[in-house]
Amino acid sequence: MPQEICPNCGSELSPKARVCPYCGSDEKTGWSDEAHVGGLDLPDQEFNYDEFVQDEFGGARVKPRGLHWFWWLVALLLLIAVVLVCT
């Protein structure tokens, strides 16, 4: 006999419901918590956030070296061009 209240999430069900429309629990899974979070691939209790950040984003950002002089040269050439055009 189907239940009228979902034992997993507590929402009301119609008398003929075989699956909870809110959490996905059903008669096959025994109205279990596993039906609610089974396919979500959630991290376990031993989840290490710092290790996750290191794996996903790597270490400290590396500042590029060697191009800063290039941008100073471009700025100087643009300044000279502006001065020559305005005079």
PDB file of N, CA and C in Angstrom:
ATOM      1  N   MET A   1       0.833  -1.183   0.000  1.00  0.00           N
ATOM      2  CA  MET A   1       0.000   0.000   0.000  1.00  0.00           C
ATOM      3  C   MET A   1       0.881   1.251   0.000  1.00  0.00           C
ATOM      4  N   PRO A   2       0.692   2.144  -0.944  1.00  0.00           N
ATOM      5  CA  PRO A   2       1.487   3.368  -1.001  1.00  0.00           C
ATOM      6  C   PRO A   2       1.219   4.264   0.209  1.00  0.00           C
ATOM      7  N   GLN A   3       2.243   5.011   0.572  1.00  0.00           N
ATOM      8  CA  GLN A   3       2.128   5.898   1.727  1.00  0.00           C
ATOM      9  C   GLN A   3       1.526   7.233   1.307  1.00  0.00           C
ATOM     10  N   GLU A   4       0.948   7.945   2.281  1.00  0.00           N
ATOM     11  CA  GLU A   4       0.363   9.250   1.984  1.00  0.00           C
ATOM     12  C   GLU A   4       1.293  10.388   2.362  1.00  0.00           C
ATOM     13  N   ILE A   5       2.323  10.090   3.135  1.00  0.00           N
ATOM     14  CA  ILE A   5       3.353  11.073   3.475  1.00  0.00           C
ATOM     15  C   ILE A   5       4.697  10.429   3.186  1.00  0.00           C
ATOM     16  N   CYS A   6       5.548  11.137   2.476  1.00  0.00           N
ATOM     17  CA  CYS A   6       6.860  10.597   2.138  1.00  0.00           C
ATOM     18  C   CYS A   6       7.706  10.504   3.409  1.00  0.00           C
ATOM     19  N   PRO A   7       8.199   9.323   3.744  1.00  0.00           N
ATOM     20  CA  PRO A   7       9.022   9.193   4.937  1.00  0.00           C
ATOM     21  C   PRO A   7      10.404   9.801   4.767  1.00  0.00           C
ATOM     22  N   ASN A   8      10.786  10.117   3.529  1.00  0.00           N
ATOM     23  CA  ASN A   8      12.104  10.702   3.296  1.00  0.00           C
ATOM     24  C   ASN A   8      12.093  12.216   3.476  1.00  0.00           C
ATOM     25  N   CYS A   9      11.163  12.906   2.825  1.00  0.00           N
ATOM     26  CA  CYS A   9      11.161  14.377   2.879  1.00  0.00           C
ATOM     27  C   CYS A   9       9.955  14.949   3.603  1.00  0.00           C
ATOM     28  N   GLY A  10       8.930  14.125   3.869  1.00  0.00           N
ATOM     29  CA  GLY A  10       7.777  14.585   4.622  1.00  0.00           C
ATOM     30  C   GLY A  10       6.702  15.264   3.805  1.00  0.00           C
ATOM     31  N   SER A  11       6.830  15.300   2.505  1.00  0.00           N
ATOM     32  CA  SER A  11       5.801  15.948   1.682  1.00  0.00           C
ATOM     33  C   SER A  11       4.594  15.025   1.533  1.00  0.00           C
ATOM     34  N   GLU A  12       3.460  15.640   1.270  1.00  0.00           N
ATOM     35  CA  GLU A  12       2.237  14.863   1.097  1.00  0.00           C
ATOM     36  C   GLU A  12       2.212  14.233  -0.287  1.00  0.00           C
ATOM     37  N   LEU A  13       1.732  12.999  -0.333  1.00  0.00           N
ATOM     38  CA  LEU A  13       1.633  12.267  -1.587  1.00  0.00           C
ATOM     39  C   LEU A  13       0.190  11.922  -1.860  1.00  0.00           C
ATOM     40  N   SER A  14      -0.145  11.778  -3.122  1.00  0.00           N
ATOM     41  CA  SER A  14      -1.484  11.303  -3.448  1.00  0.00           C
ATOM     42  C   SER A  14      -1.561   9.820  -3.087  1.00  0.00           C
ATOM     43  N   PRO A  15      -2.752   9.311  -2.803  1.00  0.00           N
ATOM     44  CA  PRO A  15      -2.878   7.911  -2.388  1.00  0.00           C
ATOM     45  C   PRO A  15      -2.355   6.913  -3.425  1.00  0.00           C
ATOM     46  N   LYS A  16      -2.339   7.273  -4.698  1.00  0.00           N
ATOM     47  CA  LYS A  16      -1.881   6.362  -5.739  1.00  0.00           C
ATOM     48  C   LYS A  16      -0.412   6.585  -6.116  1.00  0.00           C
ATOM     49  N   ALA A  17       0.273   7.488  -5.445  1.00  0.00           N
ATOM     50  CA  ALA A  17       1.656   7.813  -5.803  1.00  0.00           C
ATOM     51  C   ALA A  17       2.585   6.648  -5.500  1.00  0.00           C
ATOM     52  N   ARG A  18       3.456   6.353  -6.459  1.00  0.00           N
ATOM     53  CA  ARG A  18       4.465   5.326  -6.241  1.00  0.00           C
ATOM     54  C   ARG A  18       5.852   5.951  -6.134  1.00  0.00           C
ATOM     55  N   VAL A  19       5.943   7.236  -6.474  1.00  0.00           N
ATOM     56  CA  VAL A  19       7.209   7.970  -6.396  1.00  0.00           C
ATOM     57  C   VAL A  19       6.914   9.346  -5.826  1.00  0.00           C
ATOM     58  N   CYS A  20       7.769   9.814  -4.936  1.00  0.00           N
ATOM     59  CA  CYS A  20       7.615  11.166  -4.390  1.00  0.00           C
ATOM     60  C   CYS A  20       8.066  12.172  -5.445  1.00  0.00           C
ATOM     61  N   PRO A  21       7.223  13.120  -5.843  1.00  0.00           N
ATOM     62  CA  PRO A  21       7.611  14.080  -6.871  1.00  0.00           C
ATOM     63  C   PRO A  21       8.635  15.101  -6.371  1.00  0.00           C
ATOM     64  N   TYR A  22       8.855  15.182  -5.080  1.00  0.00           N
ATOM     65  CA  TYR A  22       9.770  16.178  -4.526  1.00  0.00           C
ATOM     66  C   TYR A  22      11.182  15.653  -4.337  1.00  0.00           C
ATOM     67  N   CYS A  23      11.319  14.438  -3.779  1.00  0.00           N
ATOM     68  CA  CYS A  23      12.661  13.943  -3.483  1.00  0.00           C
ATOM     69  C   CYS A  23      13.052  12.713  -4.296  1.00  0.00           C
ATOM     70  N   GLY A  24      12.112  12.078  -4.959  1.00  0.00           N
ATOM     71  CA  GLY A  24      12.436  10.935  -5.808  1.00  0.00           C
ATOM     72  C   GLY A  24      12.393   9.587  -5.115  1.00  0.00           C
ATOM     73  N   SER A  25      12.084   9.533  -3.835  1.00  0.00           N
ATOM     74  CA  SER A  25      11.977   8.242  -3.150  1.00  0.00           C
ATOM     75  C   SER A  25      10.816   7.461  -3.741  1.00  0.00           C
ATOM     76  N   ASP A  26      10.961   6.136  -3.766  1.00  0.00           N
ATOM     77  CA  ASP A  26       9.891   5.318  -4.318  1.00  0.00           C
ATOM     78  C   ASP A  26       9.811   3.981  -3.603  1.00  0.00           C
ATOM     79  N   GLU A  27       8.894   3.146  -4.058  1.00  0.00           N
ATOM     80  CA  GLU A  27       8.694   1.853  -3.431  1.00  0.00           C
ATOM     81  C   GLU A  27       9.869   0.910  -3.654  1.00  0.00           C
ATOM     82  N   LYS A  28      10.548   1.024  -4.793  1.00  0.00           N
ATOM     83  CA  LYS A  28      11.680   0.151  -5.082  1.00  0.00           C
ATOM     84  C   LYS A  28      12.838   0.379  -4.117  1.00  0.00           C
ATOM     85  N   THR A  29      13.124   1.626  -3.808  1.00  0.00           N
ATOM     86  CA  THR A  29      14.244   1.923  -2.916  1.00  0.00           C
ATOM     87  C   THR A  29      13.826   1.872  -1.458  1.00  0.00           C
ATOM     88  N   GLY A  30      12.566   1.595  -1.208  1.00  0.00           N
ATOM     89  CA  GLY A  30      12.107   1.489   0.170  1.00  0.00           C
ATOM     90  C   GLY A  30      11.941   2.839   0.826  1.00  0.00           C
ATOM     91  N   TRP A  31      11.700   3.861   0.042  1.00  0.00           N
ATOM     92  CA  TRP A  31      11.530   5.213   0.566  1.00  0.00           C
ATOM     93  C   TRP A  31      12.743   5.612   1.403  1.00  0.00           C
ATOM     94  N   SER A  32      13.900   5.373   0.866  1.00  0.00           N
ATOM     95  CA  SER A  32      15.130   5.565   1.639  1.00  0.00           C
ATOM     96  C   SER A  32      15.795   6.910   1.346  1.00  0.00           C
ATOM     97  N   ASP A  33      16.725   7.272   2.203  1.00  0.00           N
ATOM     98  CA  ASP A  33      17.518   8.485   1.984  1.00  0.00           C
ATOM     99  C   ASP A  33      18.381   8.347   0.746  1.00  0.00           C
ATOM    100  N   GLU A  34      18.774   7.124   0.420  1.00  0.00           N
ATOM    101  CA  GLU A  34      19.614   6.886  -0.745  1.00  0.00           C
ATOM    102  C   GLU A  34      18.924   7.339  -2.028  1.00  0.00           C
ATOM    103  N   ALA A  35      17.601   7.256  -2.070  1.00  0.00           N
ATOM    104  CA  ALA A  35      16.868   7.698  -3.256  1.00  0.00           C
ATOM    105  C   ALA A  35      16.979   9.205  -3.421  1.00  0.00           C
ATOM    106  N   HIS A  36      17.135   9.917  -2.324  1.00  0.00           N
ATOM    107  CA  HIS A  36      17.208  11.375  -2.377  1.00  0.00           C
ATOM    108  C   HIS A  36      18.574  11.869  -2.834  1.00  0.00           C
ATOM    109  N   VAL A  37      19.658  11.244  -2.371  1.00  0.00           N
ATOM    110  CA  VAL A  37      20.994  11.736  -2.676  1.00  0.00           C
ATOM    111  C   VAL A  37      21.855  10.731  -3.425  1.00  0.00           C
ATOM    112  N   GLY A  38      21.296   9.625  -3.839  1.00  0.00           N
ATOM    113  CA  GLY A  38      22.090   8.569  -4.447  1.00  0.00           C
ATOM    114  C   GLY A  38      22.794   8.967  -5.725  1.00  0.00           C
ATOM    115  N   GLY A  39      22.145   9.649  -6.625  1.00  0.00           N
ATOM    116  CA  GLY A  39      22.746   9.961  -7.908  1.00  0.00           C
ATOM    117  C   GLY A  39      23.360  11.339  -7.997  1.00  0.00           C
ATOM    118  N   LEU A  40      23.513  12.024  -6.886  1.00  0.00           N
ATOM    119  CA  LEU A  40      24.011  13.394  -6.932  1.00  0.00           C
ATOM    120  C   LEU A  40      25.520  13.502  -6.888  1.00  0.00           C
ATOM    121  N   ASP A  41      26.216  12.411  -6.586  1.00  0.00           N
ATOM    122  CA  ASP A  41      27.675  12.397  -6.504  1.00  0.00           C
ATOM    123  C   ASP A  41      28.186  13.456  -5.530  1.00  0.00           C
ATOM    124  N   LEU A  42      27.611  13.453  -4.334  1.00  0.00           N
ATOM    125  CA  LEU A  42      28.019  14.398  -3.296  1.00  0.00           C
ATOM    126  C   LEU A  42      29.295  13.933  -2.626  1.00  0.00           C
ATOM    127  N   PRO A  43      30.116  14.861  -2.128  1.00  0.00           N
ATOM    128  CA  PRO A  43      31.347  14.456  -1.444  1.00  0.00           C
ATOM    129  C   PRO A  43      31.029  13.775  -0.116  1.00  0.00           C
ATOM    130  N   ASP A  44      31.905  12.895   0.296  1.00  0.00           N
ATOM    131  CA  ASP A  44      31.691  12.199   1.559  1.00  0.00           C
ATOM    132  C   ASP A  44      32.085  13.097   2.734  1.00  0.00           C
ATOM    133  N   GLN A  45      32.009  12.559   3.935  1.00  0.00           N
ATOM    134  CA  GLN A  45      32.280  13.338   5.139  1.00  0.00           C
ATOM    135  C   GLN A  45      33.749  13.751   5.244  1.00  0.00           C
ATOM    136  N   GLU A  46      34.634  13.053   4.588  1.00  0.00           N
ATOM    137  CA  GLU A  46      36.056  13.348   4.667  1.00  0.00           C
ATOM    138  C   GLU A  46      36.513  14.275   3.550  1.00  0.00           C
ATOM    139  N   PHE A  47      35.659  15.129   3.087  1.00  0.00           N
ATOM    140  CA  PHE A  47      35.966  16.047   1.995  1.00  0.00           C
ATOM    141  C   PHE A  47      36.953  17.100   2.485  1.00  0.00           C
ATOM    142  N   ASN A  48      38.052  17.262   1.781  1.00  0.00           N
ATOM    143  CA  ASN A  48      39.080  18.229   2.139  1.00  0.00           C
ATOM    144  C   ASN A  48      39.002  19.395   1.160  1.00  0.00           C
ATOM    145  N   TYR A  49      38.463  20.513   1.634  1.00  0.00           N
ATOM    146  CA  TYR A  49      38.249  21.666   0.762  1.00  0.00           C
ATOM    147  C   TYR A  49      39.567  22.240   0.246  1.00  0.00           C
ATOM    148  N   ASP A  50      40.574  22.330   1.105  1.00  0.00           N
ATOM    149  CA  ASP A  50      41.860  22.889   0.681  1.00  0.00           C
ATOM    150  C   ASP A  50      42.498  22.047  -0.421  1.00  0.00           C
ATOM    151  N   GLU A  51      42.394  20.741  -0.295  1.00  0.00           N
ATOM    152  CA  GLU A  51      42.928  19.859  -1.331  1.00  0.00           C
ATOM    153  C   GLU A  51      42.140  20.018  -2.629  1.00  0.00           C
ATOM    154  N   PHE A  52      40.821  20.185  -2.533  1.00  0.00           N
ATOM    155  CA  PHE A  52      39.989  20.394  -3.708  1.00  0.00           C
ATOM    156  C   PHE A  52      40.395  21.671  -4.447  1.00  0.00           C
ATOM    157  N   VAL A  53      40.588  22.753  -3.699  1.00  0.00           N
ATOM    158  CA  VAL A  53      40.983  24.027  -4.313  1.00  0.00           C
ATOM    159  C   VAL A  53      42.337  23.888  -4.987  1.00  0.00           C
ATOM    160  N   GLN A  54      43.271  23.213  -4.336  1.00  0.00           N
ATOM    161  CA  GLN A  54      44.600  23.018  -4.918  1.00  0.00           C
ATOM    162  C   GLN A  54      44.513  22.218  -6.211  1.00  0.00           C
ATOM    163  N   ASP A  55      43.701  21.156  -6.219  1.00  0.00           N
ATOM    164  CA  ASP A  55      43.564  20.330  -7.419  1.00  0.00           C
ATOM    165  C   ASP A  55      42.880  21.088  -8.555  1.00  0.00           C
ATOM    166  N   GLU A  56      41.853  21.865  -8.241  1.00  0.00           N
ATOM    167  CA  GLU A  56      41.079  22.544  -9.273  1.00  0.00           C
ATOM    168  C   GLU A  56      41.772  23.785  -9.820  1.00  0.00           C
ATOM    169  N   PHE A  57      42.380  24.556  -8.948  1.00  0.00           N
ATOM    170  CA  PHE A  57      42.889  25.860  -9.363  1.00  0.00           C
ATOM    171  C   PHE A  57      44.402  25.963  -9.336  1.00  0.00           C
ATOM    172  N   GLY A  58      45.088  24.934  -8.909  1.00  0.00           N
ATOM    173  CA  GLY A  58      46.540  24.945  -8.901  1.00  0.00           C
ATOM    174  C   GLY A  58      47.105  25.809  -7.786  1.00  0.00           C
ATOM    175  N   GLY A  59      48.370  26.053  -7.873  1.00  0.00           N
ATOM    176  CA  GLY A  59      49.055  26.824  -6.841  1.00  0.00           C
ATOM    177  C   GLY A  59      48.877  28.316  -7.029  1.00  0.00           C
ATOM    178  N   ALA A  60      49.845  29.046  -6.532  1.00  0.00           N
ATOM    179  CA  ALA A  60      49.794  30.503  -6.623  1.00  0.00           C
ATOM    180  C   ALA A  60      49.904  30.938  -8.081  1.00  0.00           C
ATOM    181  N   ARG A  61      49.326  32.063  -8.370  1.00  0.00           N
ATOM    182  CA  ARG A  61      49.391  32.583  -9.739  1.00  0.00           C
ATOM    183  C   ARG A  61      50.814  32.998 -10.075  1.00  0.00           C
ATOM    184  N   VAL A  62      51.196  32.739 -11.289  1.00  0.00           N
ATOM    185  CA  VAL A  62      52.524  33.082 -11.756  1.00  0.00           C
ATOM    186  C   VAL A  62      52.430  34.384 -12.539  1.00  0.00           C
ATOM    187  N   LYS A  63      53.226  35.363 -12.116  1.00  0.00           N
ATOM    188  CA  LYS A  63      53.242  36.629 -12.845  1.00  0.00           C
ATOM    189  C   LYS A  63      54.153  36.478 -14.057  1.00  0.00           C
ATOM    190  N   PRO A  64      53.672  36.850 -15.221  1.00  0.00           N
ATOM    191  CA  PRO A  64      54.532  36.760 -16.399  1.00  0.00           C
ATOM    192  C   PRO A  64      55.670  37.773 -16.307  1.00  0.00           C
ATOM    193  N   ARG A  65      56.829  37.312 -16.664  1.00  0.00           N
ATOM    194  CA  ARG A  65      57.987  38.202 -16.632  1.00  0.00           C
ATOM    195  C   ARG A  65      58.481  38.442 -18.047  1.00  0.00           C
ATOM    196  N   GLY A  66      59.103  39.583 -18.251  1.00  0.00           N
ATOM    197  CA  GLY A  66      59.725  39.850 -19.528  1.00  0.00           C
ATOM    198  C   GLY A  66      58.898  40.694 -20.477  1.00  0.00           C
ATOM    199  N   LEU A  67      57.609  40.888 -20.220  1.00  0.00           N
ATOM    200  CA  LEU A  67      56.806  41.691 -21.133  1.00  0.00           C
ATOM    201  C   LEU A  67      56.542  43.088 -20.595  1.00  0.00           C
ATOM    202  N   HIS A  68      56.863  43.374 -19.367  1.00  0.00           N
ATOM    203  CA  HIS A  68      56.543  44.696 -18.841  1.00  0.00           C
ATOM    204  C   HIS A  68      57.284  45.793 -19.594  1.00  0.00           C
ATOM    205  N   TRP A  69      58.500  45.535 -20.047  1.00  0.00           N
ATOM    206  CA  TRP A  69      59.241  46.541 -20.809  1.00  0.00           C
ATOM    207  C   TRP A  69      58.553  46.821 -22.138  1.00  0.00           C
ATOM    208  N   PHE A  70      57.911  45.793 -22.716  1.00  0.00           N
ATOM    209  CA  PHE A  70      57.211  45.947 -23.987  1.00  0.00           C
ATOM    210  C   PHE A  70      56.084  46.960 -23.855  1.00  0.00           C
ATOM    211  N   TRP A  71      55.311  46.895 -22.781  1.00  0.00           N
ATOM    212  CA  TRP A  71      54.184  47.803 -22.590  1.00  0.00           C
ATOM    213  C   TRP A  71      54.672  49.221 -22.302  1.00  0.00           C
ATOM    214  N   TRP A  72      55.803  49.351 -21.600  1.00  0.00           N
ATOM    215  CA  TRP A  72      56.373  50.690 -21.397  1.00  0.00           C
ATOM    216  C   TRP A  72      56.798  51.285 -22.743  1.00  0.00           C
ATOM    217  N   LEU A  73      57.365  50.478 -23.618  1.00  0.00           N
ATOM    218  CA  LEU A  73      57.789  50.944 -24.943  1.00  0.00           C
ATOM    219  C   LEU A  73      56.575  51.351 -25.779  1.00  0.00           C
ATOM    220  N   VAL A  74      55.506  50.565 -25.734  1.00  0.00           N
ATOM    221  CA  VAL A  74      54.285  50.895 -26.466  1.00  0.00           C
ATOM    222  C   VAL A  74      53.715  52.216 -25.951  1.00  0.00           C
ATOM    223  N   ALA A  75      53.671  52.409 -24.630  1.00  0.00           N
ATOM    224  CA  ALA A  75      53.158  53.660 -24.060  1.00  0.00           C
ATOM    225  C   ALA A  75      54.012  54.839 -24.480  1.00  0.00           C
ATOM    226  N   LEU A  76      55.324  54.677 -24.482  1.00  0.00           N
ATOM    227  CA  LEU A  76      56.224  55.761 -24.884  1.00  0.00           C
ATOM    228  C   LEU A  76      56.030  56.111 -26.357  1.00  0.00           C
ATOM    229  N   LEU A  77      55.894  55.091 -27.205  1.00  0.00           N
ATOM    230  CA  LEU A  77      55.685  55.357 -28.632  1.00  0.00           C
ATOM    231  C   LEU A  77      54.334  56.036 -28.891  1.00  0.00           C
ATOM    232  N   LEU A  78      53.314  55.637 -28.154  1.00  0.00           N
ATOM    233  CA  LEU A  78      52.021  56.294 -28.304  1.00  0.00           C
ATOM    234  C   LEU A  78      52.086  57.738 -27.837  1.00  0.00           C
ATOM    235  N   LEU A  79      52.796  57.999 -26.775  1.00  0.00           N
ATOM    236  CA  LEU A  79      52.951  59.371 -26.269  1.00  0.00           C
ATOM    237  C   LEU A  79      53.688  60.223 -27.303  1.00  0.00           C
ATOM    238  N   ILE A  80      54.729  59.688 -27.882  1.00  0.00           N
ATOM    239  CA  ILE A  80      55.474  60.421 -28.915  1.00  0.00           C
ATOM    240  C   ILE A  80      54.572  60.673 -30.131  1.00  0.00           C
ATOM    241  N   ALA A  81      53.780  59.691 -30.530  1.00  0.00           N
ATOM    242  CA  ALA A  81      52.881  59.858 -31.669  1.00  0.00           C
ATOM    243  C   ALA A  81      51.840  60.933 -31.391  1.00  0.00           C
ATOM    244  N   VAL A  82      51.309  60.966 -30.181  1.00  0.00           N
ATOM    245  CA  VAL A  82      50.311  61.982 -29.833  1.00  0.00           C
ATOM    246  C   VAL A  82      50.948  63.371 -29.852  1.00  0.00           C
ATOM    247  N   VAL A  83      52.148  63.488 -29.333  1.00  0.00           N
ATOM    248  CA  VAL A  83      52.830  64.782 -29.317  1.00  0.00           C
ATOM    249  C   VAL A  83      53.127  65.238 -30.735  1.00  0.00           C
ATOM    250  N   LEU A  84      53.569  64.346 -31.606  1.00  0.00           N
ATOM    251  CA  LEU A  84      53.895  64.718 -32.987  1.00  0.00           C
ATOM    252  C   LEU A  84      52.626  65.108 -33.772  1.00  0.00           C
ATOM    253  N   VAL A  85      51.509  64.430 -33.517  1.00  0.00           N
ATOM    254  CA  VAL A  85      50.273  64.731 -34.225  1.00  0.00           C
ATOM    255  C   VAL A  85      49.711  66.068 -33.762  1.00  0.00           C
ATOM    256  N   CYS A  86      49.819  66.356 -32.494  1.00  0.00           N
ATOM    257  CA  CYS A  86      49.244  67.596 -31.946  1.00  0.00           C
ATOM    258  C   CYS A  86      50.079  68.821 -32.276  1.00  0.00           C
ATOM    259  N   THR A  87      51.320  68.685 -32.623  1.00  0.00           N
ATOM    260  CA  THR A  87      52.162  69.850 -32.901  1.00  0.00           C
ATOM    261  C   THR A  87      52.231  70.189 -34.358  1.00  0.00           C
TER     262      THR A  87
END
